[in-house]
């Protein structure tokens, strides 16, 4: 009887080892696929980086020119402040209705 139990225990251990090996092989295959996909994504991102590399200096030049225009306009018109937010009768922000509120002189 003991011999049978020992054989069954060894068989169960062998099955357990085989099942674990199969799952580990499946996990390794999945990780290889993920690695391949990440490699392709990395290649694509690097290609995009290289193709958009010339945009940086041009964008800085455009931004600098726009800042100069904004400064020139500000010197002509003066500094602008955003209009205050007015509330409607319901208490929600929005434009005041015509004829409501203080009259402008």
Protein backbone atom coordinates (compact mmCIF):
# COMPACT_ATOMS: atom_id res chain seq x y z
CA UNK A 1 0.00 0.00 0.00
CA UNK A 2 2.83 2.38 0.87
CA UNK A 3 4.50 1.69 -2.43
CA UNK A 4 1.31 2.61 -4.31
CA UNK A 5 1.00 5.90 -2.37
CA UNK A 6 4.65 6.74 -3.07
CA UNK A 7 4.18 6.03 -6.80
CA UNK A 8 1.01 8.14 -6.92
CA UNK A 9 2.74 11.01 -5.09
CA UNK A 10 5.67 10.90 -7.51
CA UNK A 11 3.23 10.82 -10.45
CA UNK A 12 1.38 13.86 -9.08
CA UNK A 13 4.67 15.70 -8.63
CA UNK A 14 5.68 14.84 -12.20
CA UNK A 15 2.33 16.10 -13.51
CA UNK A 16 2.69 19.27 -11.44
CA UNK A 17 6.18 19.90 -12.84
CA UNK A 18 4.97 19.31 -16.41
CA UNK A 19 1.98 21.65 -15.96
CA UNK A 20 4.21 24.35 -14.47
CA UNK A 21 6.69 23.94 -17.31
CA UNK A 22 3.90 24.28 -19.90
CA UNK A 23 2.61 27.46 -18.25
CA UNK A 24 6.10 28.92 -17.99
CA UNK A 25 6.71 28.20 -21.67
CA UNK A 26 3.38 29.86 -22.55
CA UNK A 27 4.30 32.90 -20.45
CA UNK A 28 7.74 33.08 -22.10
CA UNK A 29 6.12 32.97 -25.56
CA UNK A 30 3.73 35.77 -24.60
CA UNK A 31 6.61 37.85 -23.25
CA UNK A 32 8.51 37.33 -26.53
CA UNK A 33 5.50 38.61 -28.49
CA UNK A 34 5.23 41.62 -26.19
CA UNK A 35 8.95 42.29 -26.56
CA UNK A 36 8.63 42.16 -30.36
CA UNK A 37 5.67 44.56 -30.29
CA UNK A 38 7.50 46.96 -27.97
CA UNK A 39 10.48 46.87 -30.32
CA UNK A 40 8.25 47.86 -33.23
CA UNK A 41 6.65 50.65 -31.17
CA UNK A 42 10.08 51.93 -30.14
CA UNK A 43 11.21 51.89 -33.77
CA UNK A 44 8.10 53.85 -34.78
CA UNK A 45 8.55 56.43 -32.03
CA UNK A 46 12.17 56.94 -33.01
CA UNK A 47 11.13 57.42 -36.63
CA UNK A 48 8.55 60.01 -35.59
CA UNK A 49 11.16 61.74 -33.44
CA UNK A 50 13.59 61.95 -36.35
CA UNK A 51 10.93 63.19 -38.78
CA UNK A 52 9.68 65.90 -36.41
CA UNK A 53 13.15 67.00 -35.27
CA UNK A 54 13.26 70.05 -37.62
CA UNK A 55 10.00 71.41 -36.17
CA UNK A 56 11.56 72.45 -32.83
CA UNK A 57 13.72 75.36 -34.00
CA UNK A 58 11.03 76.58 -36.42
CA UNK A 59 8.40 76.52 -33.68
CA UNK A 60 10.70 78.53 -31.40
CA UNK A 61 11.25 81.09 -34.15
CA UNK A 62 7.51 81.39 -34.75
CA UNK A 63 6.85 81.71 -31.02
CA UNK A 64 9.52 84.41 -30.71
CA UNK A 65 8.00 86.34 -33.61
CA UNK A 66 4.52 86.05 -32.10
CA UNK A 67 5.81 87.32 -28.76
CA UNK A 68 7.28 90.34 -30.53
CA UNK A 69 3.94 91.00 -32.24
CA UNK A 70 2.10 90.65 -28.93
CA UNK A 71 4.52 93.08 -27.25
CA UNK A 72 4.10 95.57 -30.10
CA UNK A 73 0.31 95.34 -29.93
CA UNK A 74 0.39 95.74 -26.15
CA UNK A 75 2.49 98.88 -26.46
CA UNK A 76 -0.03 100.32 -28.95
CA UNK A 77 -3.26 99.27 -27.19
CA UNK A 78 -2.09 98.94 -23.61
CA UNK A 79 -2.27 95.93 -21.30
CA UNK A 80 -5.55 94.06 -21.53
CA UNK A 81 -7.35 92.46 -18.61
CA UNK A 82 -9.90 89.74 -19.13
CA UNK A 83 -13.50 90.91 -18.72
CA UNK A 84 -15.11 90.03 -15.38
CA UNK A 85 -17.40 87.04 -15.41
CA UNK A 86 -20.99 88.08 -14.89
CA UNK A 87 -23.73 85.81 -13.61
CA UNK A 88 -27.23 85.43 -14.95
CA UNK A 89 -30.37 85.47 -12.82
CA UNK A 90 -30.05 81.73 -12.23
CA UNK A 91 -26.60 82.29 -10.70
CA UNK A 92 -24.72 80.54 -13.47
CA UNK A 93 -21.82 82.30 -15.17
CA UNK A 94 -22.69 83.85 -18.47
CA UNK A 95 -23.22 87.12 -20.25
CA UNK A 96 -25.66 89.54 -18.62
CA UNK A 97 -28.84 90.17 -20.54
CA UNK A 98 -29.26 93.51 -22.31
CA UNK A 99 -30.79 96.16 -20.09
CA UNK A 100 -29.70 94.47 -16.85
CA UNK A 101 -26.98 95.65 -14.56
CA UNK A 102 -25.40 99.09 -14.23
CA UNK A 103 -25.63 101.43 -17.16
CA UNK A 104 -22.36 102.38 -18.77
CA UNK A 105 -21.56 106.06 -19.24
